[in-house]
Protein backbone atom coordinates (compact mmCIF):
# COMPACT_ATOMS: atom_id res chain seq x y z
CA ALA A 1 16.83 -5.77 -5.47
CA ASP A 2 16.70 -6.62 -1.78
CA ILE A 3 13.20 -7.62 -0.70
CA GLY A 4 13.47 -5.55 2.47
CA THR A 5 14.07 -2.35 0.51
CA THR A 6 10.99 -2.72 -1.70
CA ARG A 7 9.17 0.61 -2.01
CA VAL A 8 5.99 1.50 -3.88
CA ALA A 9 4.52 4.91 -4.64
CA GLU A 10 0.74 5.07 -4.85
CA ARG A 11 -1.22 8.10 -6.09
CA SER A 12 -4.81 8.72 -5.02
CA PRO A 13 -7.35 8.26 -7.84
CA ARG A 14 -7.80 12.00 -8.48
CA GLY A 15 -4.21 12.94 -7.64
CA GLU A 16 -4.88 14.59 -4.27
CA GLY A 17 -1.84 12.91 -2.80
CA GLU A 18 0.90 10.36 -3.21
CA VAL A 19 2.22 7.94 -0.61
CA THR A 20 5.36 5.81 -0.57
CA ALA A 21 5.37 2.62 1.51
CA GLY A 22 7.73 -0.26 2.10
CA ALA A 23 7.12 -4.00 2.07
CA GLN A 24 6.71 -4.18 5.85
CA GLY A 25 4.09 -1.44 5.87
CA ALA A 26 6.17 1.54 6.90
CA GLY A 27 5.34 4.77 5.13
CA SER A 28 8.32 6.73 3.92
CA GLY A 29 6.61 9.73 2.42
CA VAL A 30 3.32 11.52 1.91
CA ARG A 31 2.87 14.33 -0.58
CA ILE A 32 -0.33 16.36 -0.77
CA SER A 33 -1.19 18.24 -3.94
CA PRO A 34 -1.68 21.99 -3.50
CA ASP A 35 -5.03 21.51 -5.27
CA ALA A 36 -6.14 18.78 -2.85
CA PHE A 37 -8.21 21.13 -0.70
CA ALA A 38 -10.26 22.42 -3.63
CA GLY A 39 -13.73 21.02 -3.05
CA LEU A 40 -12.66 18.69 -0.22
CA ASP A 41 -13.01 19.11 3.51
CA ALA A 42 -10.26 17.89 5.84
CA ALA A 43 -12.14 14.70 6.78
CA SER A 44 -12.64 13.70 3.13
CA LEU A 45 -9.00 14.35 2.30
CA GLY A 46 -7.99 12.33 5.36
CA ARG A 47 -10.03 9.35 4.18
CA ILE A 48 -8.55 9.59 0.68
CA ILE A 49 -4.98 9.70 2.01
CA THR A 50 -5.67 6.86 4.47
CA ARG A 51 -6.95 4.65 1.61
CA THR A 52 -3.94 5.64 -0.49
CA ILE A 53 -1.61 4.63 2.35
CA ALA A 54 -3.36 1.25 2.60
CA ALA A 55 -3.10 0.73 -1.17
CA ALA A 56 0.63 1.55 -1.11
CA GLN A 57 1.20 -0.84 1.79
CA HIS A 58 -0.68 -3.60 -0.04
CA ARG A 59 1.17 -3.12 -3.32
CA ALA A 60 4.58 -2.99 -1.63
CA ALA A 61 3.88 -6.17 0.32
CA VAL A 62 2.61 -7.95 -2.81
CA ARG A 63 5.72 -6.87 -4.72
CA ALA A 64 7.93 -8.29 -1.93
CA VAL A 65 6.03 -11.60 -2.08
CA GLU A 66 6.49 -11.70 -5.85
CA ARG A 67 10.23 -11.19 -5.38
CA SER A 68 10.26 -13.95 -2.75
CA ALA A 69 8.53 -16.26 -5.22
CA GLU A 70 11.26 -15.52 -7.78
CA LEU A 71 13.94 -16.47 -5.24
CA LEU A 72 12.24 -19.41 -3.49
CA GLY A 73 9.86 -20.66 -6.16
CA PRO A 74 6.15 -19.95 -6.45
CA ASP A 75 5.20 -23.21 -4.72
CA SER A 76 7.39 -22.61 -1.68
CA PRO A 77 5.49 -22.98 1.60
CA VAL A 78 7.23 -19.81 2.78
CA VAL A 79 5.85 -17.88 -0.19
CA GLY A 80 2.39 -19.33 0.46
CA GLN A 81 2.53 -18.15 4.06
CA LEU A 82 3.73 -14.71 2.98
CA ARG A 83 0.83 -14.41 0.53
CA SER A 84 -1.62 -15.30 3.28
CA ASP A 85 0.01 -12.83 5.67
CA VAL A 86 -0.16 -10.01 3.10
CA GLU A 87 -3.85 -10.51 2.38
CA ARG A 88 -4.64 -10.63 6.10
CA THR A 89 -2.39 -7.77 7.21
CA PHE A 90 -2.49 -5.43 4.19
CA PRO A 91 -5.67 -6.14 2.21
CA MET A 92 -6.40 -3.86 -0.71
CA PRO A 93 -8.69 -1.09 0.55
CA GLY A 94 -12.30 -0.97 -0.56
CA ASP A 95 -14.35 1.99 -1.69
CA GLY A 96 -15.87 2.65 1.75
CA ASP A 97 -14.50 4.80 4.55
CA SER A 98 -12.45 1.98 6.04
CA PRO A 99 -8.91 1.71 4.64
CA GLY A 100 -9.22 -2.05 4.71
CA TYR A 101 -6.16 -2.96 6.75
CA ARG A 102 -6.28 -4.62 10.13
């Protein structure tokens, strides 16, 4: 598969929503469960979806780096730079309110 077309779907931990993101960070879809508003206010749901977006971006970027390593070799300086860029640009979100990305 072409690295540039890498897509990853990420579901929030309790299934409130699902986000699809590409390797360069662009979101291509957000689905919210009809049950998402049960017991959640809008701000809480917003934080959950924002973290889910960040997780999808991270996983898509990591998958693209893995594919690059297959093509260029795991010790390629290009792959090393891509890995560094991914961790800096799309870090995996933490448990706090911040999605983690910069």
